[in-house]
Structures are given as C-alpha cells and as structure tokens.
Amino acid sequence: MARLRSGFAPLRPVVLICLMSCGLAGAGFAQEAVAQGPLPAVLVVDQERLFGESAFGKASLEREKQASAALEAENNKIQAELVAEEQALTVQRKALSAEEFTVRADAFDQKVERIRSEQDAKARDLAQARDVDVKEFLAAAAPILGEILVDYGAGVVLDKSSVIVSVDSVDVTDDAIARIDKVLAESIKKAP
C-alpha cells in the first residue's frame, strides 16, 4: 500500500486543485489548502484533440496519410519487381555456374538491402515531418494558450490526461482550437 501512495504523491496538488475547483473537497481539507495560500484557477486542454481537430493538425495528418499511402504503393511496386527478379534468378540458376549464380545472388541481396534502407529512410522522413509539424503547432499554440490563461483568469493549463477529476467547464480545448485555427489559417494555406 505504501508503494501505491508514493506513486500518487506527485499528483496530490493536481487532485487538490481539481477537487477544490469542483467543490468536492471537505471543509478541513480546504482549510488546510487555504492556509498554504490561494490556489490558482485551473484549465485543462486535451492535447491530442488540440492538434488532431485543429485545421493545422488535420492538414498535417492528411499530408501524412497521403504520403504514407504513396510510400506504401511504391513499396508494393518495388516488392513485386523484386519478387519477379528473384524468381527469374531462381530460373537462371540451372543455366549458371555456381560462381556466377553466387555473384548474381549476392548482387540481388545487396540491392534488396539498399532498397530496404532507402524505403526505411523515407518512412523516417515521414515521421520526422509530422514531428516538425507538431513542434511548429505547439510553438504557435503556446502564446494562444497563454492568452486563454489570462482571459479565463487562470493560473495554469494542464493536459487533460494528467487530471484525475475535473468539471467540463474547465476544459478549454474547443476555444483553443478555434483561436489556433484563426491564427494558423495562413500557415495552412502555405503548406505543401
């Protein structure tokens, strides 16, 4: 049981803030918190929705989807070509000397490894492009979330996934998405 408590110890301030915001904290518990100083208002944002439902995030995910589909089609075409080449090499094996077959088989294996490496690099580039989009999005979202913080008179914005209990009224994800969409509209138009 001590292990369980120690695992939740870092969450106590979050729970306290949420409970006080919801009016669920007992009088003694609330008095203890007030004795430590006033607690700021808390807002929550669902970070996954923030990116995924914003126009910028939707455009990024659509570009990634299209690029992934194109890469998959390319991989399927390459695979079919390699299978045909391997089958042709197998047929040629009967007519080739052992040494000549070994040379051609080794060359084919090297070709397969080179292609695999190139295609893996393309897949990594896709993931990296999304990471760049997310970083750009978060950089643009940070000041907007700061404005929301001030507008709501809050002291902190937390990711909704780290909050145990809250009321819907502290979730500002929809407002954040609307404001971010307004600010990033030009970035979406300029995106490839």
N, C-alpha and C. Protein backbone atom coordinates (compact mmCIF):
# COMPACT_ATOMS: atom_id res chain seq x y z
N MET A 1 0.83 -1.20 0.00
CA MET A 1 0.00 0.00 0.00
C MET A 1 0.87 1.26 0.00
N ALA A 2 2.00 1.24 0.70
CA ALA A 2 2.89 2.39 0.72
C ALA A 2 3.39 2.68 -0.68
N ARG A 3 3.62 1.63 -1.45
CA ARG A 3 4.09 1.79 -2.82
C ARG A 3 3.05 2.52 -3.66
N LEU A 4 1.80 2.18 -3.49
CA LEU A 4 0.72 2.83 -4.22
C LEU A 4 0.63 4.30 -3.86
N ARG A 5 0.72 4.61 -2.59
CA ARG A 5 0.64 6.00 -2.15
C ARG A 5 1.79 6.82 -2.70
N SER A 6 2.99 6.26 -2.65
CA SER A 6 4.13 7.03 -3.13
C SER A 6 4.02 7.28 -4.63
N GLY A 7 3.38 6.38 -5.37
CA GLY A 7 3.19 6.57 -6.80
C GLY A 7 2.25 7.72 -7.10
N PHE A 8 1.30 8.00 -6.19
CA PHE A 8 0.35 9.07 -6.42
C PHE A 8 0.75 10.38 -5.75
N ALA A 9 1.82 10.39 -4.99
CA ALA A 9 2.22 11.58 -4.26
C ALA A 9 2.39 12.80 -5.17
N PRO A 10 3.01 12.69 -6.35
CA PRO A 10 3.16 13.87 -7.19
C PRO A 10 1.83 14.41 -7.71
N LEU A 11 0.79 13.60 -7.69
CA LEU A 11 -0.50 14.04 -8.21
C LEU A 11 -1.34 14.77 -7.17
N ARG A 12 -0.94 14.75 -5.93
CA ARG A 12 -1.77 15.37 -4.88
C ARG A 12 -2.12 16.82 -5.17
N PRO A 13 -1.19 17.70 -5.60
CA PRO A 13 -1.60 19.08 -5.90
C PRO A 13 -2.64 19.14 -7.01
N VAL A 14 -2.50 18.30 -8.03
CA VAL A 14 -3.47 18.28 -9.12
C VAL A 14 -4.83 17.86 -8.60
N VAL A 15 -4.86 16.80 -7.81
CA VAL A 15 -6.12 16.32 -7.25
C VAL A 15 -6.73 17.39 -6.35
N LEU A 16 -5.92 18.03 -5.52
CA LEU A 16 -6.41 19.06 -4.62
C LEU A 16 -7.03 20.20 -5.41
N ILE A 17 -6.35 20.65 -6.45
CA ILE A 17 -6.86 21.75 -7.26
C ILE A 17 -8.16 21.35 -7.93
N CYS A 18 -8.19 20.16 -8.49
CA CYS A 18 -9.42 19.71 -9.16
C CYS A 18 -10.56 19.55 -8.18
N LEU A 19 -10.29 18.99 -7.02
CA LEU A 19 -11.34 18.80 -6.03
C LEU A 19 -11.87 20.14 -5.54
N MET A 20 -10.98 21.09 -5.33
CA MET A 20 -11.42 22.40 -4.87
C MET A 20 -12.20 23.10 -5.97
N SER A 21 -11.77 22.95 -7.22
CA SER A 21 -12.50 23.57 -8.32
C SER A 21 -13.90 22.99 -8.44
N CYS A 22 -14.01 21.70 -8.16
CA CYS A 22 -15.31 21.03 -8.27
C CYS A 22 -16.16 21.21 -7.01
N GLY A 23 -15.59 21.77 -5.96
CA GLY A 23 -16.33 21.91 -4.71
C GLY A 23 -16.48 20.60 -3.98
N LEU A 24 -15.59 19.63 -4.27
CA LEU A 24 -15.71 18.31 -3.68
C LEU A 24 -14.84 18.13 -2.43
N ALA A 25 -13.97 19.07 -2.16
CA ALA A 25 -13.06 18.91 -1.03
C ALA A 25 -13.81 19.20 0.27
N GLY A 26 -13.49 18.45 1.31
CA GLY A 26 -14.09 18.66 2.62
C GLY A 26 -13.63 19.96 3.23
N ALA A 27 -14.35 20.47 4.21
CA ALA A 27 -14.03 21.76 4.81
C ALA A 27 -12.63 21.75 5.43
N GLY A 28 -12.29 20.71 6.16
CA GLY A 28 -10.96 20.63 6.78
C GLY A 28 -9.86 20.58 5.74
N PHE A 29 -10.08 19.83 4.69
CA PHE A 29 -9.12 19.69 3.60
C PHE A 29 -8.93 21.04 2.92
N ALA A 30 -10.04 21.75 2.65
CA ALA A 30 -9.98 23.05 2.00
C ALA A 30 -9.29 24.08 2.89
N GLN A 31 -9.57 24.05 4.21
CA GLN A 31 -8.94 24.99 5.12
C GLN A 31 -7.44 24.79 5.13
N GLU A 32 -7.00 23.52 5.10
CA GLU A 32 -5.57 23.23 5.07
C GLU A 32 -4.94 23.82 3.80
N ALA A 33 -5.63 23.69 2.67
CA ALA A 33 -5.10 24.21 1.41
C ALA A 33 -5.05 25.73 1.44
N VAL A 34 -6.09 26.37 1.96
CA VAL A 34 -6.12 27.83 2.03
C VAL A 34 -5.02 28.34 2.95
N ALA A 35 -4.72 27.61 4.01
CA ALA A 35 -3.66 28.01 4.91
C ALA A 35 -2.32 28.05 4.19
N GLN A 36 -2.17 27.23 3.16
CA GLN A 36 -0.93 27.21 2.39
C GLN A 36 -0.91 28.33 1.35
N GLY A 37 -1.98 29.00 1.14
CA GLY A 37 -2.05 30.08 0.15
C GLY A 37 -3.14 29.81 -0.86
N PRO A 38 -3.60 30.84 -1.55
CA PRO A 38 -4.68 30.65 -2.52
C PRO A 38 -4.20 29.83 -3.71
N LEU A 39 -5.10 28.98 -4.19
CA LEU A 39 -4.77 28.16 -5.34
C LEU A 39 -5.29 28.82 -6.61
N PRO A 40 -4.50 28.81 -7.66
CA PRO A 40 -4.96 29.45 -8.90
C PRO A 40 -6.04 28.61 -9.58
N ALA A 41 -6.82 29.26 -10.42
CA ALA A 41 -7.80 28.54 -11.21
C ALA A 41 -7.07 27.65 -12.20
N VAL A 42 -7.70 26.54 -12.54
CA VAL A 42 -7.08 25.54 -13.41
C VAL A 42 -7.92 25.36 -14.66
N LEU A 43 -7.24 25.27 -15.80
CA LEU A 43 -7.88 24.94 -17.06
C LEU A 43 -7.24 23.66 -17.58
N VAL A 44 -7.99 22.92 -18.38
CA VAL A 44 -7.42 21.72 -18.98
C VAL A 44 -7.61 21.78 -20.50
N VAL A 45 -6.66 21.15 -21.20
CA VAL A 45 -6.70 21.06 -22.65
C VAL A 45 -6.36 19.62 -23.03
N ASP A 46 -7.14 19.08 -23.93
CA ASP A 46 -6.85 17.75 -24.46
C ASP A 46 -5.87 17.94 -25.61
N GLN A 47 -4.58 17.65 -25.36
CA GLN A 47 -3.54 17.93 -26.35
C GLN A 47 -3.72 17.15 -27.65
N GLU A 48 -4.19 15.91 -27.55
CA GLU A 48 -4.42 15.12 -28.76
C GLU A 48 -5.49 15.77 -29.63
N ARG A 49 -6.60 16.17 -29.02
CA ARG A 49 -7.66 16.84 -29.76
C ARG A 49 -7.18 18.19 -30.28
N LEU A 50 -6.39 18.88 -29.48
CA LEU A 50 -5.91 20.20 -29.86
C LEU A 50 -5.21 20.14 -31.22
N PHE A 51 -4.34 19.15 -31.39
CA PHE A 51 -3.65 19.00 -32.68
C PHE A 51 -4.56 18.35 -33.71
N GLY A 52 -5.14 17.22 -33.35
CA GLY A 52 -5.89 16.41 -34.31
C GLY A 52 -7.15 17.05 -34.85
N GLU A 53 -7.77 17.93 -34.09
CA GLU A 53 -9.01 18.56 -34.53
C GLU A 53 -8.82 20.00 -35.02
N SER A 54 -7.61 20.51 -34.88
CA SER A 54 -7.35 21.85 -35.43
C SER A 54 -7.19 21.72 -36.93
N ALA A 55 -7.45 22.79 -37.66
CA ALA A 55 -7.29 22.76 -39.12
C ALA A 55 -5.83 22.45 -39.49
N PHE A 56 -4.89 23.01 -38.74
CA PHE A 56 -3.47 22.76 -39.00
C PHE A 56 -3.16 21.28 -38.81
N GLY A 57 -3.64 20.70 -37.71
CA GLY A 57 -3.40 19.29 -37.43
C GLY A 57 -4.06 18.39 -38.45
N LYS A 58 -5.29 18.72 -38.83
CA LYS A 58 -5.99 17.92 -39.86
C LYS A 58 -5.22 17.95 -41.18
N ALA A 59 -4.73 19.13 -41.56
CA ALA A 59 -3.96 19.25 -42.81
C ALA A 59 -2.67 18.44 -42.71
N SER A 60 -2.02 18.51 -41.57
CA SER A 60 -0.78 17.74 -41.35
C SER A 60 -1.04 16.25 -41.43
N LEU A 61 -2.09 15.80 -40.76
CA LEU A 61 -2.42 14.37 -40.76
C LEU A 61 -2.84 13.90 -42.15
N GLU A 62 -3.52 14.75 -42.91
CA GLU A 62 -3.92 14.38 -44.27
C GLU A 62 -2.69 14.27 -45.18
N ARG A 63 -1.74 15.22 -45.04
CA ARG A 63 -0.49 15.13 -45.82
C ARG A 63 0.25 13.85 -45.48
N GLU A 64 0.30 13.54 -44.18
CA GLU A 64 0.98 12.32 -43.75
C GLU A 64 0.27 11.08 -44.30
N LYS A 65 -1.04 11.09 -44.28
CA LYS A 65 -1.82 9.95 -44.80
C LYS A 65 -1.55 9.74 -46.28
N GLN A 66 -1.56 10.84 -47.05
CA GLN A 66 -1.31 10.75 -48.49
C GLN A 66 0.12 10.29 -48.77
N ALA A 67 1.07 10.83 -48.05
CA ALA A 67 2.47 10.44 -48.24
C ALA A 67 2.68 8.98 -47.85
N SER A 68 2.02 8.54 -46.78
CA SER A 68 2.12 7.14 -46.36
C SER A 68 1.52 6.20 -47.40
N ALA A 69 0.39 6.61 -47.97
CA ALA A 69 -0.25 5.79 -49.00
C ALA A 69 0.64 5.70 -50.24
N ALA A 70 1.26 6.82 -50.60
CA ALA A 70 2.16 6.83 -51.76
C ALA A 70 3.38 5.95 -51.50
N LEU A 71 3.92 6.02 -50.29
CA LEU A 71 5.07 5.19 -49.93
C LEU A 71 4.68 3.72 -49.93
N GLU A 72 3.50 3.41 -49.42
CA GLU A 72 3.04 2.01 -49.41
C GLU A 72 2.87 1.48 -50.84
N ALA A 73 2.31 2.31 -51.71
CA ALA A 73 2.15 1.90 -53.12
C ALA A 73 3.52 1.68 -53.77
N GLU A 74 4.44 2.56 -53.48
CA GLU A 74 5.81 2.42 -54.00
C GLU A 74 6.45 1.14 -53.47
N ASN A 75 6.27 0.88 -52.18
CA ASN A 75 6.83 -0.35 -51.58
C ASN A 75 6.22 -1.60 -52.22
N ASN A 76 4.92 -1.58 -52.47
CA ASN A 76 4.26 -2.74 -53.11
C ASN A 76 4.79 -2.97 -54.51
N LYS A 77 5.00 -1.88 -55.27
CA LYS A 77 5.54 -1.98 -56.63
C LYS A 77 6.96 -2.55 -56.59
N ILE A 78 7.77 -2.01 -55.68
CA ILE A 78 9.16 -2.49 -55.55
C ILE A 78 9.17 -3.96 -55.15
N GLN A 79 8.31 -4.31 -54.22
CA GLN A 79 8.26 -5.71 -53.77
C GLN A 79 7.91 -6.64 -54.93
N ALA A 80 6.93 -6.25 -55.74
CA ALA A 80 6.54 -7.08 -56.89
C ALA A 80 7.71 -7.22 -57.87
N GLU A 81 8.43 -6.14 -58.11
CA GLU A 81 9.59 -6.18 -59.00
C GLU A 81 10.69 -7.09 -58.45
N LEU A 82 10.92 -7.00 -57.14
CA LEU A 82 11.96 -7.83 -56.52
C LEU A 82 11.58 -9.31 -56.53
N VAL A 83 10.31 -9.59 -56.31
CA VAL A 83 9.85 -10.98 -56.35
C VAL A 83 10.06 -11.54 -57.76
N ALA A 84 9.70 -10.75 -58.78
CA ALA A 84 9.88 -11.20 -60.17
C ALA A 84 11.37 -11.40 -60.47
N GLU A 85 12.20 -10.48 -59.98
CA GLU A 85 13.64 -10.61 -60.21
C GLU A 85 14.20 -11.85 -59.50
N GLU A 86 13.73 -12.10 -58.30
CA GLU A 86 14.19 -13.28 -57.55
C GLU A 86 13.75 -14.57 -58.26
N GLN A 87 12.53 -14.59 -58.76
CA GLN A 87 12.05 -15.78 -59.48
C GLN A 87 12.85 -16.00 -60.77
N ALA A 88 13.18 -14.92 -61.47
CA ALA A 88 13.99 -15.03 -62.68
C ALA A 88 15.38 -15.56 -62.34
N LEU A 89 15.92 -15.08 -61.25
CA LEU A 89 17.25 -15.56 -60.81
C LEU A 89 17.20 -17.04 -60.46
N THR A 90 16.12 -17.47 -59.84
CA THR A 90 15.95 -18.88 -59.49
C THR A 90 15.89 -19.74 -60.75
N VAL A 91 15.19 -19.25 -61.76
CA VAL A 91 15.10 -19.98 -63.03
C VAL A 91 16.48 -20.04 -63.71
N GLN A 92 17.21 -18.92 -63.65
CA GLN A 92 18.53 -18.86 -64.28
C GLN A 92 19.56 -19.73 -63.57
N ARG A 93 19.29 -20.07 -62.35
CA ARG A 93 20.25 -20.84 -61.55
C ARG A 93 20.68 -22.13 -62.26
N LYS A 94 19.75 -22.77 -62.93
CA LYS A 94 20.05 -24.03 -63.61
C LYS A 94 21.05 -23.84 -64.74
N ALA A 95 21.03 -22.67 -65.37
CA ALA A 95 21.90 -22.42 -66.52
C ALA A 95 23.22 -21.76 -66.14
N LEU A 96 23.34 -21.31 -64.89
CA LEU A 96 24.54 -20.60 -64.46
C LEU A 96 25.49 -21.51 -63.68
N SER A 97 26.76 -21.13 -63.74
CA SER A 97 27.72 -21.84 -62.89
C SER A 97 27.47 -21.41 -61.45
N ALA A 98 27.97 -22.20 -60.53
CA ALA A 98 27.79 -21.90 -59.11
C ALA A 98 28.38 -20.53 -58.77
N GLU A 99 29.54 -20.23 -59.34
CA GLU A 99 30.20 -18.95 -59.06
C GLU A 99 29.38 -17.78 -59.61
N GLU A 100 28.91 -17.92 -60.86
CA GLU A 100 28.12 -16.85 -61.48
C GLU A 100 26.81 -16.65 -60.72
N PHE A 101 26.17 -17.74 -60.32
CA PHE A 101 24.93 -17.62 -59.56
C PHE A 101 25.19 -16.92 -58.23
N THR A 102 26.28 -17.25 -57.56
CA THR A 102 26.62 -16.63 -56.28
C THR A 102 26.83 -15.13 -56.46
N VAL A 103 27.52 -14.74 -57.52
CA VAL A 103 27.75 -13.31 -57.78
C VAL A 103 26.41 -12.60 -57.98
N ARG A 104 25.53 -13.18 -58.80
CA ARG A 104 24.23 -12.56 -59.07
C ARG A 104 23.34 -12.56 -57.82
N ALA A 105 23.36 -13.62 -57.05
CA ALA A 105 22.56 -13.70 -55.82
C ALA A 105 23.05 -12.67 -54.80
N ASP A 106 24.38 -12.54 -54.68
CA ASP A 106 24.93 -11.53 -53.76
C ASP A 106 24.55 -10.12 -54.20
N ALA A 107 24.62 -9.87 -55.51
CA ALA A 107 24.24 -8.55 -56.04
C ALA A 107 22.75 -8.28 -55.76
N PHE A 108 21.92 -9.29 -55.93
CA PHE A 108 20.49 -9.15 -55.65
C PHE A 108 20.27 -8.86 -54.17
N ASP A 109 20.96 -9.58 -53.29
CA ASP A 109 20.82 -9.35 -51.84
C ASP A 109 21.24 -7.93 -51.48
N GLN A 110 22.33 -7.46 -52.07
CA GLN A 110 22.79 -6.08 -51.80
C GLN A 110 21.75 -5.06 -52.29
N LYS A 111 21.17 -5.34 -53.45
CA LYS A 111 20.14 -4.47 -54.00
C LYS A 111 18.93 -4.41 -53.04
N VAL A 112 18.52 -5.57 -52.55
CA VAL A 112 17.38 -5.63 -51.62
C VAL A 112 17.69 -4.83 -50.36
N GLU A 113 18.89 -4.99 -49.81
CA GLU A 113 19.27 -4.26 -48.59
C GLU A 113 19.31 -2.75 -48.84
N ARG A 114 19.85 -2.34 -50.00
CA ARG A 114 19.91 -0.92 -50.34
C ARG A 114 18.49 -0.34 -50.45
N ILE A 115 17.63 -1.06 -51.14
CA ILE A 115 16.24 -0.59 -51.31
C ILE A 115 15.53 -0.53 -49.96
N ARG A 116 15.72 -1.54 -49.13
CA ARG A 116 15.10 -1.56 -47.80
C ARG A 116 15.56 -0.35 -46.99
N SER A 117 16.85 -0.08 -47.07
CA SER A 117 17.41 1.06 -46.34
C SER A 117 16.83 2.37 -46.85
N GLU A 118 16.71 2.52 -48.17
CA GLU A 118 16.14 3.73 -48.76
C GLU A 118 14.67 3.90 -48.35
N GLN A 119 13.91 2.83 -48.38
CA GLN A 119 12.50 2.91 -48.04
C GLN A 119 12.31 3.19 -46.54
N ASP A 120 13.16 2.61 -45.71
CA ASP A 120 13.11 2.90 -44.27
C ASP A 120 13.40 4.37 -44.02
N ALA A 121 14.35 4.93 -44.77
CA ALA A 121 14.69 6.35 -44.62
C ALA A 121 13.48 7.22 -45.00
N LYS A 122 12.78 6.82 -46.04
CA LYS A 122 11.58 7.57 -46.45
C LYS A 122 10.52 7.52 -45.35
N ALA A 123 10.36 6.37 -44.72
CA ALA A 123 9.38 6.24 -43.63
C ALA A 123 9.79 7.11 -42.44
N ARG A 124 11.08 7.14 -42.14
CA ARG A 124 11.57 8.00 -41.05
C ARG A 124 11.34 9.47 -41.39
N ASP A 125 11.54 9.83 -42.66
CA ASP A 125 11.30 11.21 -43.08
C ASP A 125 9.84 11.61 -42.88
N LEU A 126 8.93 10.68 -43.14
CA LEU A 126 7.50 10.96 -42.91
C LEU A 126 7.24 11.25 -41.43
N ALA A 127 7.80 10.41 -40.57
CA ALA A 127 7.61 10.60 -39.13
C ALA A 127 8.25 11.91 -38.68
N GLN A 128 9.40 12.22 -39.24
CA GLN A 128 10.09 13.46 -38.88
C GLN A 128 9.29 14.68 -39.34
N ALA A 129 8.66 14.59 -40.50
CA ALA A 129 7.84 15.70 -41.00
C ALA A 129 6.68 15.96 -40.05
N ARG A 130 6.09 14.90 -39.52
CA ARG A 130 4.98 15.09 -38.58
C ARG A 130 5.51 15.72 -37.29
N ASP A 131 6.67 15.26 -36.82
CA ASP A 131 7.26 15.85 -35.62
C ASP A 131 7.51 17.35 -35.81
N VAL A 132 7.99 17.73 -37.00
CA VAL A 132 8.21 19.15 -37.30
C VAL A 132 6.89 19.91 -37.26
N ASP A 133 5.84 19.33 -37.84
CA ASP A 133 4.52 19.97 -37.80
C ASP A 133 4.02 20.13 -36.37
N VAL A 134 4.18 19.10 -35.56
CA VAL A 134 3.72 19.17 -34.17
C VAL A 134 4.50 20.25 -33.41
N LYS A 135 5.81 20.32 -33.62
CA LYS A 135 6.61 21.36 -32.95
C LYS A 135 6.20 22.75 -33.39
N GLU A 136 5.97 22.92 -34.69
CA GLU A 136 5.52 24.22 -35.20
C GLU A 136 4.15 24.57 -34.61
N PHE A 137 3.28 23.58 -34.55
CA PHE A 137 1.95 23.79 -33.99
C PHE A 137 2.04 24.20 -32.52
N LEU A 138 2.83 23.46 -31.75
CA LEU A 138 2.94 23.76 -30.32
C LEU A 138 3.58 25.12 -30.08
N ALA A 139 4.54 25.50 -30.92
CA ALA A 139 5.15 26.82 -30.79
C ALA A 139 4.12 27.92 -31.03
N ALA A 140 3.25 27.71 -32.01
CA ALA A 140 2.20 28.68 -32.29
C ALA A 140 1.09 28.63 -31.24
N ALA A 141 0.84 27.45 -30.69
CA ALA A 141 -0.25 27.29 -29.71
C ALA A 141 0.11 27.86 -28.34
N ALA A 142 1.38 27.84 -27.97
CA ALA A 142 1.78 28.27 -26.63
C ALA A 142 1.32 29.69 -26.30
N PRO A 143 1.58 30.69 -27.14
CA PRO A 143 1.10 32.04 -26.79
C PRO A 143 -0.42 32.14 -26.78
N ILE A 144 -1.07 31.36 -27.63
CA ILE A 144 -2.53 31.37 -27.66
C ILE A 144 -3.08 30.79 -26.36
N LEU A 145 -2.47 29.70 -25.90
CA LEU A 145 -2.87 29.13 -24.61
C LEU A 145 -2.59 30.12 -23.47
N GLY A 146 -1.52 30.90 -23.62
CA GLY A 146 -1.22 31.95 -22.63
C GLY A 146 -2.31 33.00 -22.60
N GLU A 147 -2.80 33.38 -23.77
CA GLU A 147 -3.90 34.35 -23.84
C GLU A 147 -5.16 33.78 -23.18
N ILE A 148 -5.43 32.51 -23.45
CA ILE A 148 -6.61 31.86 -22.84
C ILE A 148 -6.46 31.86 -21.33
N LEU A 149 -5.28 31.58 -20.86
CA LEU A 149 -4.99 31.57 -19.42
C LEU A 149 -5.37 32.92 -18.81
N VAL A 150 -4.94 33.99 -19.45
CA VAL A 150 -5.23 35.35 -18.95
C VAL A 150 -6.72 35.64 -19.08
N ASP A 151 -7.31 35.33 -20.24
CA ASP A 151 -8.73 35.62 -20.46
C ASP A 151 -9.64 34.93 -19.45
N TYR A 152 -9.27 33.73 -19.06
CA TYR A 152 -10.09 32.98 -18.10
C TYR A 152 -9.68 33.28 -16.65
N GLY A 153 -8.65 34.06 -16.45
CA GLY A 153 -8.18 34.36 -15.10
C GLY A 153 -7.62 33.14 -14.40
N ALA A 154 -7.03 32.26 -15.15
CA ALA A 154 -6.49 31.02 -14.60
C ALA A 154 -5.01 31.16 -14.27
N GLY A 155 -4.53 30.21 -13.53
CA GLY A 155 -3.12 30.20 -13.15
C GLY A 155 -2.32 29.12 -13.84
N VAL A 156 -3.04 28.14 -14.42
CA VAL A 156 -2.33 27.02 -15.04
C VAL A 156 -3.25 26.32 -16.05
N VAL A 157 -2.62 25.79 -17.11
CA VAL A 157 -3.32 24.94 -18.07
C VAL A 157 -2.64 23.58 -18.02
N LEU A 158 -3.43 22.55 -17.77
CA LEU A 158 -2.89 21.19 -17.68
C LEU A 158 -3.41 20.35 -18.83
N ASP A 159 -2.64 19.33 -19.19
CA ASP A 159 -3.11 18.36 -20.16
C ASP A 159 -4.21 17.54 -19.49
N LYS A 160 -5.32 17.38 -20.17
CA LYS A 160 -6.47 16.69 -19.60
C LYS A 160 -6.12 15.27 -19.15
N SER A 161 -5.17 14.63 -19.82
CA SER A 161 -4.81 13.26 -19.46
C SER A 161 -4.13 13.16 -18.10
N SER A 162 -3.63 14.29 -17.57
CA SER A 162 -2.97 14.24 -16.27
C SER A 162 -3.90 14.63 -15.13
N VAL A 163 -5.15 14.94 -15.45
CA VAL A 163 -6.13 15.36 -14.43
C VAL A 163 -7.02 14.17 -14.09
N ILE A 164 -7.18 13.94 -12.81
CA ILE A 164 -8.00 12.82 -12.36
C ILE A 164 -9.48 13.17 -12.35
N VAL A 165 -9.81 14.34 -11.80
CA VAL A 165 -11.20 14.76 -11.71
C VAL A 165 -11.28 16.24 -12.07
N SER A 166 -12.26 16.58 -12.92
CA SER A 166 -12.49 17.99 -13.24
C SER A 166 -13.92 18.13 -13.75
N VAL A 167 -14.36 19.36 -13.84
CA VAL A 167 -15.67 19.63 -14.42
C VAL A 167 -15.45 20.05 -15.87
N ASP A 168 -16.45 19.85 -16.70
CA ASP A 168 -16.33 20.18 -18.12
C ASP A 168 -16.01 21.65 -18.36
N SER A 169 -16.45 22.50 -17.48
CA SER A 169 -16.28 23.94 -17.70
C SER A 169 -14.81 24.38 -17.66
N VAL A 170 -13.91 23.56 -17.14
CA VAL A 170 -12.50 23.94 -17.13
C VAL A 170 -11.77 23.46 -18.38
N ASP A 171 -12.46 22.68 -19.23
CA ASP A 171 -11.85 22.20 -20.47
C ASP A 171 -12.01 23.27 -21.54
N VAL A 172 -10.90 23.86 -21.97
CA VAL A 172 -10.92 24.94 -22.94
C VAL A 172 -10.40 24.49 -24.32
N THR A 173 -10.44 23.20 -24.56
CA THR A 173 -9.90 22.66 -25.82
C THR A 173 -10.61 23.26 -27.03
N ASP A 174 -11.94 23.32 -27.01
CA ASP A 174 -12.67 23.85 -28.16
C ASP A 174 -12.32 25.31 -28.42
N ASP A 175 -12.24 26.11 -27.36
CA ASP A 175 -11.86 27.51 -27.50
C ASP A 175 -10.44 27.62 -28.06
N ALA A 176 -9.54 26.79 -27.55
CA ALA A 176 -8.15 26.82 -28.01
C ALA A 176 -8.06 26.45 -29.49
N ILE A 177 -8.81 25.44 -29.92
CA ILE A 177 -8.79 25.02 -31.32
C ILE A 177 -9.28 26.17 -32.20
N ALA A 178 -10.38 26.81 -31.81
CA ALA A 178 -10.93 27.92 -32.60
C ALA A 178 -9.91 29.06 -32.72
N ARG A 179 -9.27 29.40 -31.62
CA ARG A 179 -8.30 30.51 -31.66
C ARG A 179 -7.06 30.12 -32.47
N ILE A 180 -6.61 28.90 -32.30
CA ILE A 180 -5.43 28.45 -33.05
C ILE A 180 -5.74 28.41 -34.54
N ASP A 181 -6.91 27.92 -34.90
CA ASP A 181 -7.31 27.88 -36.32
C ASP A 181 -7.28 29.28 -36.92
N LYS A 182 -7.75 30.24 -36.17
CA LYS A 182 -7.78 31.63 -36.66
C LYS A 182 -6.35 32.14 -36.90
N VAL A 183 -5.46 31.87 -35.97
CA VAL A 183 -4.09 32.36 -36.07
C VAL A 183 -3.29 31.60 -37.14
N LEU A 184 -3.51 30.30 -37.25
CA LEU A 184 -2.71 29.48 -38.17
C LEU A 184 -3.34 29.31 -39.56
N ALA A 185 -4.40 30.03 -39.85
CA ALA A 185 -5.05 29.88 -41.15
C ALA A 185 -4.08 30.13 -42.30
N GLU A 186 -3.21 31.09 -42.17
CA GLU A 186 -2.24 31.39 -43.23
C GLU A 186 -1.22 30.27 -43.37
N SER A 187 -0.79 29.67 -42.28
CA SER A 187 0.17 28.56 -42.35
C SER A 187 -0.41 27.38 -43.10
N ILE A 188 -1.69 27.16 -42.94
CA ILE A 188 -2.35 26.03 -43.60
C ILE A 188 -2.39 26.27 -45.11
N LYS A 189 -2.68 27.51 -45.50
CA LYS A 189 -2.75 27.83 -46.93
C LYS A 189 -1.38 27.70 -47.60
N LYS A 190 -0.30 27.99 -46.87
CA LYS A 190 1.04 27.96 -47.43
C LYS A 190 1.63 26.55 -47.45
N ALA A 191 1.06 25.63 -46.69
CA ALA A 191 1.61 24.28 -46.57
C ALA A 191 1.53 23.56 -47.92
N PRO A 192 2.56 22.71 -48.21
CA PRO A 192 2.56 21.98 -49.48
C PRO A 192 1.46 20.96 -49.57
